[in-house]
Amino acid sequence: LAALATRATKVDGGWRINGHKIWTSSAQRADYGALLARTDPTARKH
């Protein structure tokens, strides 16, 4: 999981997220989701 590629880029007031998740249970009826995204591509993956 630590090899994830979804990217979170810092922007004014928050983050801009781009990526692709799979095997997400209940996404079709969820109001909120807990999401992991890479915020620093230069750091060690964990």
All heavy atoms as atom14 arrays in JSON, in Angstrom:
{
  "sequence": "LAALATRATKVDGGWRINGHKIWTSSAQRADYGALLARTDPTARKH",
  "atom14_mask": [
    [1, 1, 1, 1, 1, 1, 1, 1, 0, 0, 0, 0, 0, 0],
    [1, 1, 1, 1, 1, 0, 0, 0, 0, 0, 0, 0, 0, 0],
    [1, 1, 1, 1, 1, 0, 0, 0, 0, 0, 0, 0, 0, 0],
    [1, 1, 1, 1, 1, 1, 1, 1, 0, 0, 0, 0, 0, 0],
    [1, 1, 1, 1, 1, 0, 0, 0, 0, 0, 0, 0, 0, 0],
    [1, 1, 1, 1, 1, 1, 1, 0, 0, 0, 0, 0, 0, 0],
    [1, 1, 1, 1, 1, 1, 1, 1, 1, 1, 1, 0, 0, 0],
    [1, 1, 1, 1, 1, 0, 0, 0, 0, 0, 0, 0, 0, 0],
    [1, 1, 1, 1, 1, 1, 1, 0, 0, 0, 0, 0, 0, 0],
    [1, 1, 1, 1, 1, 1, 1, 1, 1, 0, 0, 0, 0, 0],
    [1, 1, 1, 1, 1, 1, 1, 0, 0, 0, 0, 0, 0, 0],
    [1, 1, 1, 1, 1, 1, 1, 1, 0, 0, 0, 0, 0, 0],
    [1, 1, 1, 1, 0, 0, 0, 0, 0, 0, 0, 0, 0, 0],
    [1, 1, 1, 1, 0, 0, 0, 0, 0, 0, 0, 0, 0, 0],
    [1, 1, 1, 1, 1, 1, 1, 1, 1, 1, 1, 1, 1, 1],
    [1, 1, 1, 1, 1, 1, 1, 1, 1, 1, 1, 0, 0, 0],
    [1, 1, 1, 1, 1, 1, 1, 1, 0, 0, 0, 0, 0, 0],
    [1, 1, 1, 1, 1, 1, 1, 1, 0, 0, 0, 0, 0, 0],
    [1, 1, 1, 1, 0, 0, 0, 0, 0, 0, 0, 0, 0, 0],
    [1, 1, 1, 1, 1, 1, 1, 1, 1, 1, 0, 0, 0, 0],
    [1, 1, 1, 1, 1, 1, 1, 1, 1, 0, 0, 0, 0, 0],
    [1, 1, 1, 1, 1, 1, 1, 1, 0, 0, 0, 0, 0, 0],
    [1, 1, 1, 1, 1, 1, 1, 1, 1, 1, 1, 1, 1, 1],
    [1, 1, 1, 1, 1, 1, 1, 0, 0, 0, 0, 0, 0, 0],
    [1, 1, 1, 1, 1, 1, 0, 0, 0, 0, 0, 0, 0, 0],
    [1, 1, 1, 1, 1, 1, 0, 0, 0, 0, 0, 0, 0, 0],
    [1, 1, 1, 1, 1, 0, 0, 0, 0, 0, 0, 0, 0, 0],
    [1, 1, 1, 1, 1, 1, 1, 1, 1, 0, 0, 0, 0, 0],
    [1, 1, 1, 1, 1, 1, 1, 1, 1, 1, 1, 0, 0, 0],
    [1, 1, 1, 1, 1, 0, 0, 0, 0, 0, 0, 0, 0, 0],
    [1, 1, 1, 1, 1, 1, 1, 1, 0, 0, 0, 0, 0, 0],
    [1, 1, 1, 1, 1, 1, 1, 1, 1, 1, 1, 1, 0, 0],
    [1, 1, 1, 1, 0, 0, 0, 0, 0, 0, 0, 0, 0, 0],
    [1, 1, 1, 1, 1, 0, 0, 0, 0, 0, 0, 0, 0, 0],
    [1, 1, 1, 1, 1, 1, 1, 1, 0, 0, 0, 0, 0, 0],
    [1, 1, 1, 1, 1, 1, 1, 1, 0, 0, 0, 0, 0, 0],
    [1, 1, 1, 1, 1, 0, 0, 0, 0, 0, 0, 0, 0, 0],
    [1, 1, 1, 1, 1, 1, 1, 1, 1, 1, 1, 0, 0, 0],
    [1, 1, 1, 1, 1, 1, 1, 0, 0, 0, 0, 0, 0, 0],
    [1, 1, 1, 1, 1, 1, 1, 1, 0, 0, 0, 0, 0, 0],
    [1, 1, 1, 1, 1, 1, 1, 0, 0, 0, 0, 0, 0, 0],
    [1, 1, 1, 1, 1, 1, 1, 0, 0, 0, 0, 0, 0, 0],
    [1, 1, 1, 1, 1, 0, 0, 0, 0, 0, 0, 0, 0, 0],
    [1, 1, 1, 1, 1, 1, 1, 1, 1, 1, 1, 0, 0, 0],
    [1, 1, 1, 1, 1, 1, 1, 1, 1, 0, 0, 0, 0, 0],
    [1, 1, 1, 1, 1, 1, 1, 1, 1, 1, 0, 0, 0, 0]
  ],
  "atom14_positions": [
    [[0.81, -1.22, 0.0], [0.0, 0.0, 0.0], [0.84, 1.27, 0.0], [0.45, 2.29, -0.57], [-0.93, -0.01, 1.21], [-1.91, 1.16, 1.34], [-2.81, 1.26, 0.12], [-2.73, 1.03, 2.62], [0.0, 0.0, 0.0], [0.0, 0.0, 0.0], [0.0, 0.0, 0.0], [0.0, 0.0, 0.0], [0.0, 0.0, 0.0], [0.0, 0.0, 0.0]],
    [[2.01, 1.21, 0.63], [2.85, 2.41, 0.72], [3.38, 2.85, -0.64], [3.94, 3.95, -0.76], [4.01, 2.17, 1.67], [0.0, 0.0, 0.0], [0.0, 0.0, 0.0], [0.0, 0.0, 0.0], [0.0, 0.0, 0.0], [0.0, 0.0, 0.0], [0.0, 0.0, 0.0], [0.0, 0.0, 0.0], [0.0, 0.0, 0.0], [0.0, 0.0, 0.0]],
    [[3.2, 2.01, -1.68], [3.64, 2.37, -3.03], [2.57, 3.14, -3.8], [2.69, 3.3, -5.01], [4.04, 1.11, -3.8], [0.0, 0.0, 0.0], [0.0, 0.0, 0.0], [0.0, 0.0, 0.0], [0.0, 0.0, 0.0], [0.0, 0.0, 0.0], [0.0, 0.0, 0.0], [0.0, 0.0, 0.0], [0.0, 0.0, 0.0], [0.0, 0.0, 0.0]],
    [[1.56, 3.62, -3.1], [0.43, 4.29, -3.76], [0.9, 5.49, -4.59], [1.89, 6.15, -4.25], [-0.63, 4.7, -2.75], [-0.26, 5.67, -1.63], [-0.44, 7.11, -2.07], [-1.1, 5.4, -0.4], [0.0, 0.0, 0.0], [0.0, 0.0, 0.0], [0.0, 0.0, 0.0], [0.0, 0.0, 0.0], [0.0, 0.0, 0.0], [0.0, 0.0, 0.0]],
    [[0.15, 5.75, -5.67], [0.55, 6.8, -6.61], [-0.41, 7.99, -6.62], [-0.11, 9.01, -7.26], [0.65, 6.23, -8.02], [0.0, 0.0, 0.0], [0.0, 0.0, 0.0], [0.0, 0.0, 0.0], [0.0, 0.0, 0.0], [0.0, 0.0, 0.0], [0.0, 0.0, 0.0], [0.0, 0.0, 0.0], [0.0, 0.0, 0.0], [0.0, 0.0, 0.0]],
    [[-1.56, 7.89, -5.98], [-2.49, 9.01, -5.92], [-1.77, 10.21, -5.32], [-1.13, 10.11, -4.28], [-3.74, 8.66, -5.09], [-4.46, 7.62, -5.77], [-4.65, 9.85, -4.91], [0.0, 0.0, 0.0], [0.0, 0.0, 0.0], [0.0, 0.0, 0.0], [0.0, 0.0, 0.0], [0.0, 0.0, 0.0], [0.0, 0.0, 0.0], [0.0, 0.0, 0.0]],
    [[-1.88, 11.36, -5.98], [-1.09, 12.54, -5.62], [-1.98, 13.64, -5.02], [-3.06, 13.94, -5.54], [-0.4, 13.07, -6.88], [0.54, 14.25, -6.67], [1.79, 13.84, -5.93], [2.52, 12.81, -6.63], [3.43, 13.05, -7.57], [3.7, 14.3, -7.94], [4.09, 12.06, -8.13], [0.0, 0.0, 0.0], [0.0, 0.0, 0.0], [0.0, 0.0, 0.0]],
    [[-1.52, 14.23, -3.94], [-2.17, 15.39, -3.33], [-1.23, 16.57, -3.45], [-0.12, 16.55, -2.92], [-2.51, 15.12, -1.86], [0.0, 0.0, 0.0], [0.0, 0.0, 0.0], [0.0, 0.0, 0.0], [0.0, 0.0, 0.0], [0.0, 0.0, 0.0], [0.0, 0.0, 0.0], [0.0, 0.0, 0.0], [0.0, 0.0, 0.0], [0.0, 0.0, 0.0]],
    [[-1.66, 17.6, -4.17], [-0.83, 18.78, -4.4], [-1.38, 19.95, -3.61], [-2.58, 20.25, -3.66], [-0.83, 19.13, -5.91], [-0.4, 17.98, -6.65], [0.1, 20.3, -6.19], [0.0, 0.0, 0.0], [0.0, 0.0, 0.0], [0.0, 0.0, 0.0], [0.0, 0.0, 0.0], [0.0, 0.0, 0.0], [0.0, 0.0, 0.0], [0.0, 0.0, 0.0]],
    [[-0.51, 20.64, -2.87], [-0.96, 21.76, -2.04], [-1.38, 22.92, -2.92], [-0.68, 23.33, -3.85], [0.17, 22.2, -1.11], [-0.28, 23.22, -0.05], [-1.16, 22.54, 0.97], [-1.67, 23.51, 2.04], [-2.76, 24.37, 1.55], [0.0, 0.0, 0.0], [0.0, 0.0, 0.0], [0.0, 0.0, 0.0], [0.0, 0.0, 0.0], [0.0, 0.0, 0.0]],
    [[-2.59, 23.45, -2.63], [-3.1, 24.64, -3.3], [-3.65, 25.58, -2.23], [-3.68, 25.24, -1.04], [-4.21, 24.28, -4.32], [-3.65, 23.43, -5.46], [-5.37, 23.55, -3.63], [0.0, 0.0, 0.0], [0.0, 0.0, 0.0], [0.0, 0.0, 0.0], [0.0, 0.0, 0.0], [0.0, 0.0, 0.0], [0.0, 0.0, 0.0], [0.0, 0.0, 0.0]],
    [[-4.07, 26.73, -2.62], [-4.58, 27.7, -1.67], [-5.81, 27.15, -0.93], [-6.82, 26.81, -1.55], [-4.97, 28.99, -2.41], [-5.35, 30.12, -1.46], [-4.82, 30.13, -0.33], [-6.17, 30.98, -1.84], [0.0, 0.0, 0.0], [0.0, 0.0, 0.0], [0.0, 0.0, 0.0], [0.0, 0.0, 0.0], [0.0, 0.0, 0.0], [0.0, 0.0, 0.0]],
    [[-5.71, 27.03, 0.38], [-6.83, 26.6, 1.2], [-7.05, 25.11, 1.3], [-7.98, 24.66, 1.98], [0.0, 0.0, 0.0], [0.0, 0.0, 0.0], [0.0, 0.0, 0.0], [0.0, 0.0, 0.0], [0.0, 0.0, 0.0], [0.0, 0.0, 0.0], [0.0, 0.0, 0.0], [0.0, 0.0, 0.0], [0.0, 0.0, 0.0], [0.0, 0.0, 0.0]],
    [[-6.19, 24.34, 0.63], [-6.39, 22.89, 0.7], [-5.47, 22.12, -0.2], [-4.32, 22.5, -0.41], [0.0, 0.0, 0.0], [0.0, 0.0, 0.0], [0.0, 0.0, 0.0], [0.0, 0.0, 0.0], [0.0, 0.0, 0.0], [0.0, 0.0, 0.0], [0.0, 0.0, 0.0], [0.0, 0.0, 0.0], [0.0, 0.0, 0.0], [0.0, 0.0, 0.0]],
    [[-6.0, 21.02, -0.76], [-5.21, 20.1, -1.56], [-5.99, 19.7, -2.81], [-7.2, 19.56, -2.76], [-4.87, 18.85, -0.76], [-4.07, 19.14, 0.47], [-4.54, 19.62, 1.67], [-2.65, 19.02, 0.62], [-3.51, 19.79, 2.55], [-2.33, 19.42, 1.94], [-1.62, 18.59, -0.21], [-1.04, 19.41, 2.42], [-0.33, 18.57, 0.28], [-0.04, 18.99, 1.58]],
    [[-5.26, 19.51, -3.91], [-5.86, 19.05, -5.16], [-5.41, 17.61, -5.36], [-4.21, 17.32, -5.42], [-5.4, 19.92, -6.33], [-6.15, 19.68, -7.61], [-7.55, 20.25, -7.57], [-7.53, 21.71, -7.41], [-8.62, 22.43, -7.2], [-9.79, 21.83, -7.09], [-8.55, 23.74, -7.07], [0.0, 0.0, 0.0], [0.0, 0.0, 0.0], [0.0, 0.0, 0.0]],
    [[-6.38, 16.68, -5.45], [-6.06, 15.25, -5.46], [-6.41, 14.63, -6.81], [-7.5, 14.83, -7.34], [-6.81, 14.53, -4.32], [-6.31, 15.06, -2.97], [-6.6, 13.02, -4.41], [-6.96, 14.44, -1.77], [0.0, 0.0, 0.0], [0.0, 0.0, 0.0], [0.0, 0.0, 0.0], [0.0, 0.0, 0.0], [0.0, 0.0, 0.0], [0.0, 0.0, 0.0]],
    [[-5.45, 13.86, -7.32], [-5.63, 13.12, -8.57], [-5.15, 11.69, -8.38], [-4.05, 11.47, -7.85], [-4.84, 13.78, -9.71], [-5.46, 15.08, -10.18], [-6.37, 15.1, -10.99], [-4.95, 16.19, -9.64], [0.0, 0.0, 0.0], [0.0, 0.0, 0.0], [0.0, 0.0, 0.0], [0.0, 0.0, 0.0], [0.0, 0.0, 0.0], [0.0, 0.0, 0.0]],
    [[-5.96, 10.73, -8.81], [-5.55, 9.34, -8.68], [-6.66, 8.37, -8.98], [-7.74, 8.74, -9.47], [0.0, 0.0, 0.0], [0.0, 0.0, 0.0], [0.0, 0.0, 0.0], [0.0, 0.0, 0.0], [0.0, 0.0, 0.0], [0.0, 0.0, 0.0], [0.0, 0.0, 0.0], [0.0, 0.0, 0.0], [0.0, 0.0, 0.0], [0.0, 0.0, 0.0]],
    [[-6.39, 7.1, -8.68], [-7.29, 6.0, -9.04], [-7.26, 4.99, -7.9], [-6.21, 4.43, -7.59], [-6.81, 5.39, -10.36], [-7.59, 4.21, -10.82], [-7.14, 3.39, -11.84], [-8.77, 3.68, -10.41], [-8.03, 2.42, -12.05], [-9.01, 2.57, -11.18], [0.0, 0.0, 0.0], [0.0, 0.0, 0.0], [0.0, 0.0, 0.0], [0.0, 0.0, 0.0]],
    [[-8.4, 4.76, -7.27], [-8.52, 3.77, -6.2], [-9.35, 2.59, -6.69], [-10.15, 2.72, -7.62], [-9.19, 4.4, -4.97], [-8.41, 5.56, -4.36], [-7.09, 5.11, -3.76], [-6.35, 6.26, -3.1], [-5.11, 5.82, -2.43], [0.0, 0.0, 0.0], [0.0, 0.0, 0.0], [0.0, 0.0, 0.0], [0.0, 0.0, 0.0], [0.0, 0.0, 0.0]],
    [[-9.15, 1.43, -6.06], [-9.87, 0.23, -6.5], [-10.24, -0.63, -5.3], [-9.67, -0.48, -4.22], [-9.01, -0.57, -7.51], [-9.87, -1.54, -8.32], [-7.87, -1.29, -6.8], [-9.16, -2.13, -9.52], [0.0, 0.0, 0.0], [0.0, 0.0, 0.0], [0.0, 0.0, 0.0], [0.0, 0.0, 0.0], [0.0, 0.0, 0.0], [0.0, 0.0, 0.0]],
    [[-11.22, -1.51, -5.51], [-11.75, -2.4, -4.46], [-12.32, -1.6, -3.3], [-12.22, -2.01, -2.14], [-10.68, -3.39, -3.97], [-10.01, -4.16, -5.05], [-8.68, -4.18, -5.33], [-10.63, -5.0, -6.02], [-8.42, -4.99, -6.42], [-9.61, -5.5, -6.86], [-11.96, -5.38, -6.28], [-9.87, -6.36, -7.92], [-12.2, -6.22, -7.34], [-11.17, -6.71, -8.14]],
    [[-12.92, -0.46, -3.6], [-13.47, 0.4, -2.55], [-14.89, -0.03, -2.21], [-15.83, 0.21, -2.98], [-13.46, 1.87, -2.99], [-12.14, 2.22, -3.42], [-13.87, 2.77, -1.84], [0.0, 0.0, 0.0], [0.0, 0.0, 0.0], [0.0, 0.0, 0.0], [0.0, 0.0, 0.0], [0.0, 0.0, 0.0], [0.0, 0.0, 0.0], [0.0, 0.0, 0.0]],
    [[-15.06, -0.67, -1.07], [-16.38, -1.12, -0.64], [-17.28, 0.07, -0.32], [-16.84, 1.05, 0.29], [-16.26, -2.0, 0.61], [-15.42, -3.1, 0.37], [0.0, 0.0, 0.0], [0.0, 0.0, 0.0], [0.0, 0.0, 0.0], [0.0, 0.0, 0.0], [0.0, 0.0, 0.0], [0.0, 0.0, 0.0], [0.0, 0.0, 0.0], [0.0, 0.0, 0.0]],
    [[-18.53, -0.01, -0.76], [-19.59, 0.95, -0.41], [-19.35, 2.36, -0.94], [-20.04, 3.29, -0.51], [-19.78, 1.0, 1.11], [-20.05, -0.28, 1.63], [0.0, 0.0, 0.0], [0.0, 0.0, 0.0], [0.0, 0.0, 0.0], [0.0, 0.0, 0.0], [0.0, 0.0, 0.0], [0.0, 0.0, 0.0], [0.0, 0.0, 0.0], [0.0, 0.0, 0.0]],
    [[-18.43, 2.55, -1.87], [-18.19, 3.89, -2.41], [-19.43, 4.45, -3.08], [-19.65, 5.67, -3.1], [-17.03, 3.86, -3.41], [0.0, 0.0, 0.0], [0.0, 0.0, 0.0], [0.0, 0.0, 0.0], [0.0, 0.0, 0.0], [0.0, 0.0, 0.0], [0.0, 0.0, 0.0], [0.0, 0.0, 0.0], [0.0, 0.0, 0.0], [0.0, 0.0, 0.0]],
    [[-20.28, 3.57, -3.62], [-21.45, 4.02, -4.36], [-22.51, 4.66, -3.45], [-23.38, 5.39, -3.93], [-22.07, 2.86, -5.16], [-22.83, 1.83, -4.32], [-21.95, 0.75, -3.72], [-20.77, 0.98, -3.49], [-22.52, -0.42, -3.47], [0.0, 0.0, 0.0], [0.0, 0.0, 0.0], [0.0, 0.0, 0.0], [0.0, 0.0, 0.0], [0.0, 0.0, 0.0]],
    [[-22.41, 4.42, -2.14], [-23.41, 4.99, -1.23], [-22.77, 5.77, -0.08], [-23.46, 6.18, 0.86], [-24.33, 3.91, -0.69], [-23.62, 2.75, 0.01], [-24.64, 1.76, 0.56], [-23.99, 0.61, 1.17], [-23.69, -0.5, 0.53], [-23.97, -0.61, -0.75], [-23.12, -1.52, 1.15], [0.0, 0.0, 0.0], [0.0, 0.0, 0.0], [0.0, 0.0, 0.0]],
    [[-21.47, 5.97, -0.14], [-20.77, 6.65, 0.96], [-20.93, 8.16, 0.87], [-20.96, 8.74, -0.21], [-19.3, 6.27, 0.93], [0.0, 0.0, 0.0], [0.0, 0.0, 0.0], [0.0, 0.0, 0.0], [0.0, 0.0, 0.0], [0.0, 0.0, 0.0], [0.0, 0.0, 0.0], [0.0, 0.0, 0.0], [0.0, 0.0, 0.0], [0.0, 0.0, 0.0]],
    [[-21.01, 8.78, 2.04], [-21.02, 10.24, 2.13], [-19.59, 10.78, 2.25], [-19.28, 11.84, 1.7], [-21.84, 10.68, 3.35], [-23.29, 10.24, 3.26], [-24.0, 10.77, 2.39], [-23.7, 9.36, 4.05], [0.0, 0.0, 0.0], [0.0, 0.0, 0.0], [0.0, 0.0, 0.0], [0.0, 0.0, 0.0], [0.0, 0.0, 0.0], [0.0, 0.0, 0.0]],
    [[-18.75, 10.03, 2.99], [-17.36, 10.44, 3.17], [-16.45, 9.23, 2.99], [-16.87, 8.08, 3.15], [-17.14, 11.04, 4.56], [-17.75, 12.41, 4.73], [-19.04, 12.56, 5.24], [-17.04, 13.56, 4.36], [-19.6, 13.82, 5.38], [-17.6, 14.81, 4.51], [-18.88, 14.94, 5.01], [-19.43, 16.18, 5.14], [0.0, 0.0, 0.0], [0.0, 0.0, 0.0]],
    [[-15.19, 9.53, 2.67], [-14.2, 8.47, 2.53], [-12.89, 8.87, 3.17], [-12.51, 10.05, 3.15], [0.0, 0.0, 0.0], [0.0, 0.0, 0.0], [0.0, 0.0, 0.0], [0.0, 0.0, 0.0], [0.0, 0.0, 0.0], [0.0, 0.0, 0.0], [0.0, 0.0, 0.0], [0.0, 0.0, 0.0], [0.0, 0.0, 0.0], [0.0, 0.0, 0.0]],
    [[-12.19, 7.9, 3.74], [-10.83, 8.12, 4.23], [-9.89, 7.79, 3.09], [-9.92, 6.68, 2.55], [-10.55, 7.22, 5.43], [0.0, 0.0, 0.0], [0.0, 0.0, 0.0], [0.0, 0.0, 0.0], [0.0, 0.0, 0.0], [0.0, 0.0, 0.0], [0.0, 0.0, 0.0], [0.0, 0.0, 0.0], [0.0, 0.0, 0.0], [0.0, 0.0, 0.0]],
    [[-9.05, 8.74, 2.7], [-8.22, 8.59, 1.51], [-6.75, 8.81, 1.83], [-6.39, 9.75, 2.54], [-8.67, 9.59, 0.43], [-7.87, 9.61, -0.87], [-8.8, 9.77, -2.07], [-6.84, 10.74, -0.88], [0.0, 0.0, 0.0], [0.0, 0.0, 0.0], [0.0, 0.0, 0.0], [0.0, 0.0, 0.0], [0.0, 0.0, 0.0], [0.0, 0.0, 0.0]],
    [[-5.91, 7.93, 1.28], [-4.46, 8.1, 1.37], [-3.95, 8.65, 0.05], [-4.32, 8.17, -1.02], [-3.78, 6.77, 1.67], [-4.1, 6.08, 3.0], [-3.28, 4.8, 3.12], [-3.85, 7.0, 4.18], [0.0, 0.0, 0.0], [0.0, 0.0, 0.0], [0.0, 0.0, 0.0], [0.0, 0.0, 0.0], [0.0, 0.0, 0.0], [0.0, 0.0, 0.0]],
    [[-3.09, 9.66, 0.12], [-2.5, 10.25, -1.08], [-1.09, 10.69, -0.78], [-0.76, 11.07, 0.35], [-3.34, 11.43, -1.58], [0.0, 0.0, 0.0], [0.0, 0.0, 0.0], [0.0, 0.0, 0.0], [0.0, 0.0, 0.0], [0.0, 0.0, 0.0], [0.0, 0.0, 0.0], [0.0, 0.0, 0.0], [0.0, 0.0, 0.0], [0.0, 0.0, 0.0]],
    [[-0.26, 10.67, -1.82], [1.14, 11.06, -1.66], [1.25, 12.57, -1.67], [0.92, 13.22, -2.66], [1.99, 10.44, -2.77], [3.49, 10.57, -2.52], [4.28, 9.56, -3.32], [3.9, 8.19, -3.01], [4.24, 7.55, -1.89], [4.98, 8.17, -0.98], [3.86, 6.32, -1.69], [0.0, 0.0, 0.0], [0.0, 0.0, 0.0], [0.0, 0.0, 0.0]],
    [[1.72, 13.14, -0.56], [1.85, 14.58, -0.43], [3.27, 15.07, -0.7], [3.48, 16.24, -0.97], [1.44, 15.02, 0.99], [2.18, 14.22, 1.94], [-0.06, 14.81, 1.21], [0.0, 0.0, 0.0], [0.0, 0.0, 0.0], [0.0, 0.0, 0.0], [0.0, 0.0, 0.0], [0.0, 0.0, 0.0], [0.0, 0.0, 0.0], [0.0, 0.0, 0.0]],
    [[4.24, 14.15, -0.58], [5.63, 14.52, -0.83], [6.3, 13.41, -1.63], [6.76, 12.41, -1.06], [6.37, 14.74, 0.48], [7.81, 15.22, 0.28], [8.25, 15.3, -0.89], [8.49, 15.49, 1.28], [0.0, 0.0, 0.0], [0.0, 0.0, 0.0], [0.0, 0.0, 0.0], [0.0, 0.0, 0.0], [0.0, 0.0, 0.0], [0.0, 0.0, 0.0]],
    [[6.37, 13.54, -2.95], [6.95, 12.48, -3.78], [8.44, 12.28, -3.57], [8.99, 11.26, -4.0], [6.65, 12.95, -5.21], [6.48, 14.43, -5.1], [5.9, 14.67, -3.76], [0.0, 0.0, 0.0], [0.0, 0.0, 0.0], [0.0, 0.0, 0.0], [0.0, 0.0, 0.0], [0.0, 0.0, 0.0], [0.0, 0.0, 0.0], [0.0, 0.0, 0.0]],
    [[9.11, 13.21, -2.9], [10.55, 13.09, -2.68], [10.87, 12.34, -1.39], [12.02, 11.91, -1.2], [11.21, 14.47, -2.62], [10.72, 15.2, -1.48], [10.9, 15.28, -3.89], [0.0, 0.0, 0.0], [0.0, 0.0, 0.0], [0.0, 0.0, 0.0], [0.0, 0.0, 0.0], [0.0, 0.0, 0.0], [0.0, 0.0, 0.0], [0.0, 0.0, 0.0]],
    [[9.9, 12.18, -0.51], [10.13, 11.5, 0.77], [10.1, 9.98, 0.59], [9.59, 9.47, -0.41], [9.08, 11.93, 1.79], [0.0, 0.0, 0.0], [0.0, 0.0, 0.0], [0.0, 0.0, 0.0], [0.0, 0.0, 0.0], [0.0, 0.0, 0.0], [0.0, 0.0, 0.0], [0.0, 0.0, 0.0], [0.0, 0.0, 0.0], [0.0, 0.0, 0.0]],
    [[10.66, 9.25, 1.55], [10.55, 7.79, 1.54], [9.08, 7.42, 1.55], [8.24, 8.1, 2.13], [11.25, 7.21, 2.76], [12.76, 7.42, 2.77], [13.38, 6.88, 4.03], [13.17, 5.43, 4.17], [13.58, 4.72, 5.2], [14.22, 5.32, 6.21], [13.36, 3.42, 5.27], [0.0, 0.0, 0.0], [0.0, 0.0, 0.0], [0.0, 0.0, 0.0]],
    [[8.76, 6.32, 0.86], [7.36, 6.06, 0.52], [6.42, 6.0, 1.74], [5.26, 6.38, 1.63], [7.23, 4.78, -0.32], [7.62, 3.48, 0.36], [7.43, 2.32, -0.6], [7.67, 0.98, 0.06], [7.45, -0.15, -0.88], [0.0, 0.0, 0.0], [0.0, 0.0, 0.0], [0.0, 0.0, 0.0], [0.0, 0.0, 0.0], [0.0, 0.0, 0.0]],
    [[6.9, 5.55, 2.89], [6.04, 5.51, 4.06], [5.88, 6.87, 4.73], [4.99, 7.06, 5.54], [6.58, 4.52, 5.1], [6.49, 3.08, 4.68], [7.48, 2.48, 3.93], [5.53, 2.15, 4.88], [7.13, 1.21, 3.71], [5.96, 0.99, 4.27], [0.0, 0.0, 0.0], [0.0, 0.0, 0.0], [0.0, 0.0, 0.0], [0.0, 0.0, 0.0]]
  ]
}
